[in-house]
Amino acid sequence: MSASFNLEEIMEGTAQDRACRVTSIGSDELPAAITLWRIDLDLQADIPEDMLGRLDAAELNRAARYQQHADRVRFTITRVVLKHALSRVAPGTDPREIHLDADCRDKPLWKGQPIEFNVTHSGKQAYVAVSRFGRVGVDVEEQRADFDYEEVCATVFTGKELHALSEIPPSHRRRGFYDCWVRKEAVLKATGLGITQCLQDFSTVRGACDRWRIEVSECADSSTAAMLRSLSISMLDAGPKYSAAIAFDMQPKA
């Protein structure tokens, strides 16, 4: 393992470490109350000892249970960056003193704090999103050439989404599938709705000014529809081999 590193300097962009590069993502489409971080990972690098020292006992046990080194890297670095991102929106908080729990859907939460957050990782990328006033969900997927996406399209997409996908040239259709999937997954993660029950409750469609919006299906119940209509979605620039999207409340939670 490498000896130590300065995560604060890495997040400020004034230092680097082989294990990860952390970048603050800004967008005109995101409310000022949301902070978003992208993490580029070296899945073969040793995990810095200082980073392991920032995990609590439960997190260390979880990291140790991963059989693949790459999975330990993804979990450890993403969790530590998340804690530092949370400490930045709660001034005076030591990230080492942040202990995260899980709700009934196994979604991580910070008890006693009115802060929403979400994380995602796939391949060599990870994202951490933190919101000071409302729900947020983020998703990234590596575009795998060996995945037969055509087999699952009819199950996970609505008729409108399938039609939009069919209009994409075949050479770009795989990216179109992943782009649509991360939009839907980000929405589900923001709301806490289940994948098996709610994929057909909404479509993500291109709106004015080339921005994406959520269109609620008639089959959605009233409470689900209200939850979905409160959200906005935005695609993220994840590079040529990844798709990423973020969903967030347009107005503060009541």
C-alpha atoms as a PDB file:
ATOM      1  CA  MET A   1       0.000   0.000   0.000  1.00  0.00           C
ATOM      2  CA  SER A   2       1.126   3.542  -0.634  1.00  0.00           C
ATOM      3  CA  ALA A   3       1.939   5.471   2.513  1.00  0.00           C
ATOM      4  CA  SER A   4      -0.495   8.398   2.528  1.00  0.00           C
ATOM      5  CA  PHE A   5      -2.002  11.105   0.433  1.00  0.00           C
ATOM      6  CA  ASN A   6      -3.873  14.379   0.829  1.00  0.00           C
ATOM      7  CA  LEU A   7      -7.471  13.926  -0.299  1.00  0.00           C
ATOM      8  CA  GLU A   8      -8.310  17.557   0.363  1.00  0.00           C
ATOM      9  CA  GLU A   9      -5.632  18.653  -2.105  1.00  0.00           C
ATOM     10  CA  ILE A  10      -6.767  16.035  -4.630  1.00  0.00           C
ATOM     11  CA  MET A  11     -10.354  17.325  -4.440  1.00  0.00           C
ATOM     12  CA  GLU A  12      -9.044  20.868  -4.887  1.00  0.00           C
ATOM     13  CA  GLY A  13      -7.088  19.747  -7.949  1.00  0.00           C
ATOM     14  CA  THR A  14      -3.731  20.748  -6.465  1.00  0.00           C
ATOM     15  CA  ALA A  15      -2.418  17.203  -5.938  1.00  0.00           C
ATOM     16  CA  GLN A  16      -2.639  13.793  -7.593  1.00  0.00           C
ATOM     17  CA  ASP A  17      -2.502  10.175  -6.507  1.00  0.00           C
ATOM     18  CA  ARG A  18      -2.178   7.066  -8.620  1.00  0.00           C
ATOM     19  CA  ALA A  19      -5.276   5.482  -7.062  1.00  0.00           C
ATOM     20  CA  CYS A  20      -7.700   8.185  -8.171  1.00  0.00           C
ATOM     21  CA  ARG A  21      -8.321  11.553  -9.766  1.00  0.00           C
ATOM     22  CA  VAL A  22     -11.229  13.531  -8.309  1.00  0.00           C
ATOM     23  CA  THR A  23     -12.903  16.277 -10.350  1.00  0.00           C
ATOM     24  CA  SER A  24     -15.628  18.713  -9.337  1.00  0.00           C
ATOM     25  CA  ILE A  25     -18.337  18.761 -12.020  1.00  0.00           C
ATOM     26  CA  GLY A  26     -20.158  22.003 -12.727  1.00  0.00           C
ATOM     27  CA  SER A  27     -23.213  22.435 -14.961  1.00  0.00           C
ATOM     28  CA  ASP A  28     -25.665  25.218 -15.731  1.00  0.00           C
ATOM     29  CA  GLU A  29     -28.425  22.603 -15.460  1.00  0.00           C
ATOM     30  CA  LEU A  30     -27.662  21.766 -11.810  1.00  0.00           C
ATOM     31  CA  PRO A  31     -28.977  23.822  -8.862  1.00  0.00           C
ATOM     32  CA  ALA A  32     -26.322  25.577  -6.800  1.00  0.00           C
ATOM     33  CA  ALA A  33     -27.286  23.393  -3.823  1.00  0.00           C
ATOM     34  CA  ILE A  34     -25.941  20.272  -5.567  1.00  0.00           C
ATOM     35  CA  THR A  35     -22.265  19.353  -5.625  1.00  0.00           C
ATOM     36  CA  LEU A  36     -21.096  16.629  -7.975  1.00  0.00           C
ATOM     37  CA  TRP A  37     -17.750  14.850  -8.073  1.00  0.00           C
ATOM     38  CA  ARG A  38     -16.361  12.478 -10.681  1.00  0.00           C
ATOM     39  CA  ILE A  39     -13.722   9.949  -9.640  1.00  0.00           C
ATOM     40  CA  ASP A  40     -11.425   8.305 -12.184  1.00  0.00           C
ATOM     41  CA  LEU A  41     -10.026   5.134 -10.649  1.00  0.00           C
ATOM     42  CA  ASP A  42      -6.930   3.034 -11.152  1.00  0.00           C
ATOM     43  CA  LEU A  43      -8.349  -0.373 -10.258  1.00  0.00           C
ATOM     44  CA  GLN A  44      -4.904  -1.975 -10.031  1.00  0.00           C
ATOM     45  CA  ALA A  45      -3.359   0.608  -7.713  1.00  0.00           C
ATOM     46  CA  ASP A  46      -2.845  -0.068  -4.022  1.00  0.00           C
ATOM     47  CA  ILE A  47      -5.349   1.606  -1.720  1.00  0.00           C
ATOM     48  CA  PRO A  48      -3.520   4.303   0.285  1.00  0.00           C
ATOM     49  CA  GLU A  49      -3.227   3.408   3.974  1.00  0.00           C
ATOM     50  CA  ASP A  50      -4.386   6.882   4.932  1.00  0.00           C
ATOM     51  CA  MET A  51      -7.571   6.317   2.943  1.00  0.00           C
ATOM     52  CA  LEU A  52      -8.316   3.053   4.756  1.00  0.00           C
ATOM     53  CA  GLY A  53      -7.841   4.960   8.011  1.00  0.00           C
ATOM     54  CA  ARG A  54     -10.801   7.166   7.075  1.00  0.00           C
ATOM     55  CA  LEU A  55     -13.254   4.247   7.115  1.00  0.00           C
ATOM     56  CA  ASP A  56     -15.105   3.179  10.257  1.00  0.00           C
ATOM     57  CA  ALA A  57     -15.128  -0.424  11.485  1.00  0.00           C
ATOM     58  CA  ALA A  58     -18.261  -1.418   9.558  1.00  0.00           C
ATOM     59  CA  GLU A  59     -16.881   0.066   6.345  1.00  0.00           C
ATOM     60  CA  LEU A  60     -13.539  -1.679   6.791  1.00  0.00           C
ATOM     61  CA  ASN A  61     -15.360  -4.982   7.265  1.00  0.00           C
ATOM     62  CA  ARG A  62     -17.392  -4.363   4.137  1.00  0.00           C
ATOM     63  CA  ALA A  63     -14.282  -3.510   2.119  1.00  0.00           C
ATOM     64  CA  ALA A  64     -12.565  -6.674   3.347  1.00  0.00           C
ATOM     65  CA  ARG A  65     -15.476  -8.840   2.174  1.00  0.00           C
ATOM     66  CA  TYR A  66     -14.935  -7.910  -1.466  1.00  0.00           C
ATOM     67  CA  GLN A  67     -13.044 -10.749  -3.128  1.00  0.00           C
ATOM     68  CA  GLN A  68     -11.845  -8.686  -6.092  1.00  0.00           C
ATOM     69  CA  HIS A  69      -9.290  -5.927  -5.528  1.00  0.00           C
ATOM     70  CA  ALA A  70     -11.066  -3.720  -8.080  1.00  0.00           C
ATOM     71  CA  ASP A  71     -14.289  -3.881  -6.042  1.00  0.00           C
ATOM     72  CA  ARG A  72     -12.411  -2.886  -2.871  1.00  0.00           C
ATOM     73  CA  VAL A  73     -10.897   0.075  -4.714  1.00  0.00           C
ATOM     74  CA  ARG A  74     -14.297   1.235  -5.987  1.00  0.00           C
ATOM     75  CA  PHE A  75     -15.987   0.976  -2.601  1.00  0.00           C
ATOM     76  CA  THR A  76     -13.175   2.415  -0.476  1.00  0.00           C
ATOM     77  CA  ILE A  77     -12.317   5.429  -2.592  1.00  0.00           C
ATOM     78  CA  THR A  78     -15.939   6.286  -3.378  1.00  0.00           C
ATOM     79  CA  ARG A  79     -16.933   6.078   0.301  1.00  0.00           C
ATOM     80  CA  VAL A  80     -14.031   8.259   1.459  1.00  0.00           C
ATOM     81  CA  VAL A  81     -14.686  10.890  -1.219  1.00  0.00           C
ATOM     82  CA  LEU A  82     -18.373  10.836  -0.219  1.00  0.00           C
ATOM     83  CA  LYS A  83     -17.514  11.539   3.422  1.00  0.00           C
ATOM     84  CA  HIS A  84     -15.309  14.461   2.445  1.00  0.00           C
ATOM     85  CA  ALA A  85     -17.994  15.795   0.104  1.00  0.00           C
ATOM     86  CA  LEU A  86     -20.529  15.616   2.953  1.00  0.00           C
ATOM     87  CA  SER A  87     -18.179  17.399   5.350  1.00  0.00           C
ATOM     88  CA  ARG A  88     -17.904  20.269   2.876  1.00  0.00           C
ATOM     89  CA  VAL A  89     -21.635  20.995   3.086  1.00  0.00           C
ATOM     90  CA  ALA A  90     -21.669  20.580   6.884  1.00  0.00           C
ATOM     91  CA  PRO A  91     -18.947  23.014   8.018  1.00  0.00           C
ATOM     92  CA  GLY A  92     -16.983  21.963  11.070  1.00  0.00           C
ATOM     93  CA  THR A  93     -17.645  18.259  10.500  1.00  0.00           C
ATOM     94  CA  ASP A  94     -14.679  15.905  10.532  1.00  0.00           C
ATOM     95  CA  PRO A  95     -15.223  13.388   7.709  1.00  0.00           C
ATOM     96  CA  ARG A  96     -13.780  10.672   9.952  1.00  0.00           C
ATOM     97  CA  GLU A  97     -16.689  11.260  12.348  1.00  0.00           C
ATOM     98  CA  ILE A  98     -19.354  10.741   9.680  1.00  0.00           C
ATOM     99  CA  HIS A  99     -21.058   7.364  10.121  1.00  0.00           C
ATOM    100  CA  LEU A 100     -23.552   6.377   7.459  1.00  0.00           C
ATOM    101  CA  ASP A 101     -26.593   4.155   7.960  1.00  0.00           C
ATOM    102  CA  ALA A 102     -29.126   2.689   5.524  1.00  0.00           C
ATOM    103  CA  ASP A 103     -32.880   3.125   5.181  1.00  0.00           C
ATOM    104  CA  CYS A 104     -35.454   0.368   4.659  1.00  0.00           C
ATOM    105  CA  ARG A 105     -34.482   0.175   0.971  1.00  0.00           C
ATOM    106  CA  ASP A 106     -30.787  -0.161   1.899  1.00  0.00           C
ATOM    107  CA  LYS A 107     -30.116   3.357   0.582  1.00  0.00           C
ATOM    108  CA  PRO A 108     -27.279   5.027   2.549  1.00  0.00           C
ATOM    109  CA  LEU A 109     -28.259   7.985   4.729  1.00  0.00           C
ATOM    110  CA  TRP A 110     -26.670  10.342   7.241  1.00  0.00           C
ATOM    111  CA  LYS A 111     -28.960  10.325  10.252  1.00  0.00           C
ATOM    112  CA  GLY A 112     -29.825  13.690  11.740  1.00  0.00           C
ATOM    113  CA  GLN A 113     -28.696  15.665   8.701  1.00  0.00           C
ATOM    114  CA  PRO A 114     -31.011  17.261   6.092  1.00  0.00           C
ATOM    115  CA  ILE A 115     -28.600  16.307   3.335  1.00  0.00           C
ATOM    116  CA  GLU A 116     -29.342  13.929   0.468  1.00  0.00           C
ATOM    117  CA  PHE A 117     -26.598  12.116  -1.405  1.00  0.00           C
ATOM    118  CA  ASN A 118     -26.044   9.323  -3.883  1.00  0.00           C
ATOM    119  CA  VAL A 119     -23.077   7.453  -5.341  1.00  0.00           C
ATOM    120  CA  THR A 120     -22.486   5.240  -8.350  1.00  0.00           C
ATOM    121  CA  HIS A 121     -19.572   3.419  -9.927  1.00  0.00           C
ATOM    122  CA  SER A 122     -18.943   1.272 -12.977  1.00  0.00           C
ATOM    123  CA  GLY A 123     -15.692   0.223 -14.574  1.00  0.00           C
ATOM    124  CA  LYS A 124     -13.080   2.869 -13.813  1.00  0.00           C
ATOM    125  CA  GLN A 125     -15.498   5.713 -13.064  1.00  0.00           C
ATOM    126  CA  ALA A 126     -17.459   6.766  -9.992  1.00  0.00           C
ATOM    127  CA  TYR A 127     -19.633   9.763  -9.108  1.00  0.00           C
ATOM    128  CA  VAL A 128     -20.630  11.314  -5.791  1.00  0.00           C
ATOM    129  CA  ALA A 129     -23.624  13.688  -5.697  1.00  0.00           C
ATOM    130  CA  VAL A 130     -24.644  15.711  -2.626  1.00  0.00           C
ATOM    131  CA  SER A 131     -27.756  17.898  -2.352  1.00  0.00           C
ATOM    132  CA  ARG A 132     -28.468  20.401   0.414  1.00  0.00           C
ATOM    133  CA  PHE A 133     -32.184  20.720  -0.291  1.00  0.00           C
ATOM    134  CA  GLY A 134     -33.719  17.755  -2.082  1.00  0.00           C
ATOM    135  CA  ARG A 135     -33.445  14.285  -3.496  1.00  0.00           C
ATOM    136  CA  VAL A 136     -30.661  13.353  -5.865  1.00  0.00           C
ATOM    137  CA  GLY A 137     -29.726  10.226  -7.803  1.00  0.00           C
ATOM    138  CA  VAL A 138     -26.757   9.588 -10.064  1.00  0.00           C
ATOM    139  CA  ASP A 139     -25.837   6.644 -12.263  1.00  0.00           C
ATOM    140  CA  VAL A 140     -22.897   5.693 -14.482  1.00  0.00           C
ATOM    141  CA  GLU A 141     -22.528   2.630 -16.677  1.00  0.00           C
ATOM    142  CA  GLU A 142     -19.605   1.357 -18.688  1.00  0.00           C
ATOM    143  CA  GLN A 143     -20.787   0.620 -22.226  1.00  0.00           C
ATOM    144  CA  ARG A 144     -19.962  -3.067 -22.506  1.00  0.00           C
ATOM    145  CA  ALA A 145     -19.599  -4.427 -26.028  1.00  0.00           C
ATOM    146  CA  ASP A 146     -20.389  -7.975 -24.822  1.00  0.00           C
ATOM    147  CA  PHE A 147     -23.783  -7.061 -23.327  1.00  0.00           C
ATOM    148  CA  ASP A 148     -26.806  -8.007 -25.463  1.00  0.00           C
ATOM    149  CA  TYR A 149     -28.866  -4.907 -24.703  1.00  0.00           C
ATOM    150  CA  GLU A 150     -31.516  -5.753 -27.309  1.00  0.00           C
ATOM    151  CA  GLU A 151     -32.746  -8.635 -25.138  1.00  0.00           C
ATOM    152  CA  VAL A 152     -33.739  -6.349 -22.254  1.00  0.00           C
ATOM    153  CA  CYS A 153     -34.987  -3.243 -24.070  1.00  0.00           C
ATOM    154  CA  ALA A 154     -38.644  -4.260 -24.122  1.00  0.00           C
ATOM    155  CA  THR A 155     -38.529  -5.010 -20.393  1.00  0.00           C
ATOM    156  CA  VAL A 156     -36.876  -1.832 -19.132  1.00  0.00           C
ATOM    157  CA  PHE A 157     -38.016   0.843 -21.615  1.00  0.00           C
ATOM    158  CA  THR A 158     -41.435   2.292 -22.398  1.00  0.00           C
ATOM    159  CA  GLY A 159     -42.922   2.382 -25.890  1.00  0.00           C
ATOM    160  CA  LYS A 160     -41.799   5.988 -26.366  1.00  0.00           C
ATOM    161  CA  GLU A 161     -38.258   5.148 -25.320  1.00  0.00           C
ATOM    162  CA  LEU A 162     -38.162   2.114 -27.612  1.00  0.00           C
ATOM    163  CA  HIS A 163     -39.342   4.251 -30.525  1.00  0.00           C
ATOM    164  CA  ALA A 164     -36.684   6.888 -29.809  1.00  0.00           C
ATOM    165  CA  LEU A 165     -34.023   4.175 -29.604  1.00  0.00           C
ATOM    166  CA  SER A 166     -35.118   2.688 -32.938  1.00  0.00           C
ATOM    167  CA  GLU A 167     -34.540   6.052 -34.643  1.00  0.00           C
ATOM    168  CA  ILE A 168     -30.881   6.118 -33.598  1.00  0.00           C
ATOM    169  CA  PRO A 169     -28.484   4.822 -36.294  1.00  0.00           C
ATOM    170  CA  PRO A 170     -27.469   1.200 -35.526  1.00  0.00           C
ATOM    171  CA  SER A 171     -23.824   2.187 -35.054  1.00  0.00           C
ATOM    172  CA  HIS A 172     -24.831   4.491 -32.158  1.00  0.00           C
ATOM    173  CA  ARG A 173     -27.714   2.465 -30.738  1.00  0.00           C
ATOM    174  CA  ARG A 174     -25.675   0.814 -27.978  1.00  0.00           C
ATOM    175  CA  ARG A 175     -24.783   4.242 -26.592  1.00  0.00           C
ATOM    176  CA  GLY A 176     -28.427   5.240 -26.945  1.00  0.00           C
ATOM    177  CA  PHE A 177     -29.437   2.249 -24.829  1.00  0.00           C
ATOM    178  CA  TYR A 178     -26.950   3.057 -22.072  1.00  0.00           C
ATOM    179  CA  ASP A 179     -27.833   6.769 -22.127  1.00  0.00           C
ATOM    180  CA  CYS A 180     -31.514   5.959 -21.646  1.00  0.00           C
ATOM    181  CA  TRP A 181     -30.773   3.384 -18.972  1.00  0.00           C
ATOM    182  CA  VAL A 182     -28.686   5.727 -16.795  1.00  0.00           C
ATOM    183  CA  ARG A 183     -31.388   8.402 -17.004  1.00  0.00           C
ATOM    184  CA  LYS A 184     -34.006   5.953 -15.748  1.00  0.00           C
ATOM    185  CA  GLU A 185     -31.702   4.521 -13.087  1.00  0.00           C
ATOM    186  CA  ALA A 186     -30.800   8.002 -11.804  1.00  0.00           C
ATOM    187  CA  VAL A 187     -34.514   8.793 -11.436  1.00  0.00           C
ATOM    188  CA  LEU A 188     -35.175   5.540  -9.576  1.00  0.00           C
ATOM    189  CA  LYS A 189     -32.226   6.151  -7.257  1.00  0.00           C
ATOM    190  CA  ALA A 190     -33.393   9.691  -6.491  1.00  0.00           C
ATOM    191  CA  THR A 191     -36.914   8.550  -5.633  1.00  0.00           C
ATOM    192  CA  GLY A 192     -36.115   5.201  -4.035  1.00  0.00           C
ATOM    193  CA  LEU A 193     -38.641   3.528  -6.344  1.00  0.00           C
ATOM    194  CA  GLY A 194     -38.013  -0.108  -7.198  1.00  0.00           C
ATOM    195  CA  ILE A 195     -36.661  -1.170 -10.573  1.00  0.00           C
ATOM    196  CA  THR A 196     -39.019  -4.125 -10.905  1.00  0.00           C
ATOM    197  CA  GLN A 197     -42.187  -2.115 -10.241  1.00  0.00           C
ATOM    198  CA  CYS A 198     -41.627   1.349 -11.688  1.00  0.00           C
ATOM    199  CA  LEU A 199     -39.644   1.182 -14.940  1.00  0.00           C
ATOM    200  CA  GLN A 200     -42.829   1.550 -16.988  1.00  0.00           C
ATOM    201  CA  ASP A 201     -44.173   4.418 -14.852  1.00  0.00           C
ATOM    202  CA  PHE A 202     -42.198   7.064 -16.727  1.00  0.00           C
ATOM    203  CA  SER A 203     -40.258   7.864 -19.881  1.00  0.00           C
ATOM    204  CA  THR A 204     -37.246  10.119 -20.252  1.00  0.00           C
ATOM    205  CA  VAL A 205     -37.811  12.233 -23.354  1.00  0.00           C
ATOM    206  CA  ARG A 206     -35.909  15.022 -25.056  1.00  0.00           C
ATOM    207  CA  GLY A 207     -37.482  18.399 -24.350  1.00  0.00           C
ATOM    208  CA  ALA A 208     -36.919  22.027 -25.286  1.00  0.00           C
ATOM    209  CA  CYS A 209     -33.358  23.284 -25.796  1.00  0.00           C
ATOM    210  CA  ASP A 210     -32.220  19.650 -26.174  1.00  0.00           C
ATOM    211  CA  ARG A 211     -32.738  19.027 -22.453  1.00  0.00           C
ATOM    212  CA  TRP A 212     -34.185  15.831 -21.038  1.00  0.00           C
ATOM    213  CA  ARG A 213     -37.388  15.650 -19.029  1.00  0.00           C
ATOM    214  CA  ILE A 214     -39.545  13.049 -17.303  1.00  0.00           C
ATOM    215  CA  GLU A 215     -42.916  12.140 -18.790  1.00  0.00           C
ATOM    216  CA  VAL A 216     -45.160  10.220 -16.389  1.00  0.00           C
ATOM    217  CA  SER A 217     -47.097   7.232 -17.759  1.00  0.00           C
ATOM    218  CA  GLU A 218     -50.820   6.754 -17.205  1.00  0.00           C
ATOM    219  CA  CYS A 219     -50.126   3.531 -15.294  1.00  0.00           C
ATOM    220  CA  ALA A 220     -48.290   5.388 -12.492  1.00  0.00           C
ATOM    221  CA  ASP A 221     -50.250   5.867  -9.268  1.00  0.00           C
ATOM    222  CA  SER A 222     -50.835   9.398  -7.983  1.00  0.00           C
ATOM    223  CA  SER A 223     -48.097   9.421  -5.329  1.00  0.00           C
ATOM    224  CA  THR A 224     -45.504   8.021  -7.738  1.00  0.00           C
ATOM    225  CA  ALA A 225     -46.563  10.506 -10.416  1.00  0.00           C
ATOM    226  CA  ALA A 226     -46.183  13.453  -8.032  1.00  0.00           C
ATOM    227  CA  MET A 227     -42.740  12.261  -6.990  1.00  0.00           C
ATOM    228  CA  LEU A 228     -41.602  11.864 -10.592  1.00  0.00           C
ATOM    229  CA  ARG A 229     -42.935  15.255 -11.712  1.00  0.00           C
ATOM    230  CA  SER A 230     -40.839  17.006  -9.057  1.00  0.00           C
ATOM    231  CA  LEU A 231     -37.592  15.804 -10.632  1.00  0.00           C
ATOM    232  CA  SER A 232     -35.343  17.062 -13.388  1.00  0.00           C
ATOM    233  CA  ILE A 233     -32.667  15.039 -15.200  1.00  0.00           C
ATOM    234  CA  SER A 234     -29.414  15.884 -16.913  1.00  0.00           C
ATOM    235  CA  MET A 235     -26.904  13.841 -18.892  1.00  0.00           C
ATOM    236  CA  LEU A 236     -23.269  14.024 -17.780  1.00  0.00           C
ATOM    237  CA  ASP A 237     -20.210  14.009 -20.032  1.00  0.00           C
ATOM    238  CA  ALA A 238     -18.628  10.703 -19.045  1.00  0.00           C
ATOM    239  CA  GLY A 239     -16.459  10.216 -22.125  1.00  0.00           C
ATOM    240  CA  PRO A 240     -16.780   7.879 -25.124  1.00  0.00           C
ATOM    241  CA  LYS A 241     -17.035   4.567 -23.241  1.00  0.00           C
ATOM    242  CA  TYR A 242     -19.406   5.530 -20.419  1.00  0.00           C
ATOM    243  CA  SER A 243     -22.903   6.924 -19.946  1.00  0.00           C
ATOM    244  CA  ALA A 244     -23.880   8.945 -16.869  1.00  0.00           C
ATOM    245  CA  ALA A 245     -26.885  10.954 -15.704  1.00  0.00           C
ATOM    246  CA  ILE A 246     -28.145  12.782 -12.621  1.00  0.00           C
ATOM    247  CA  ALA A 247     -31.714  13.319 -11.378  1.00  0.00           C
ATOM    248  CA  PHE A 248     -32.605  15.912  -8.763  1.00  0.00           C
ATOM    249  CA  ASP A 249     -35.444  17.819  -7.130  1.00  0.00           C
ATOM    250  CA  MET A 250     -36.226  21.060  -8.919  1.00  0.00           C
ATOM    251  CA  GLN A 251     -37.609  22.582  -5.709  1.00  0.00           C
ATOM    252  CA  PRO A 252     -36.678  22.073  -2.035  1.00  0.00           C
ATOM    253  CA  LYS A 253     -38.463  19.250  -0.248  1.00  0.00           C
ATOM    254  CA  ALA A 254     -41.454  20.253   1.850  1.00  0.00           C
END
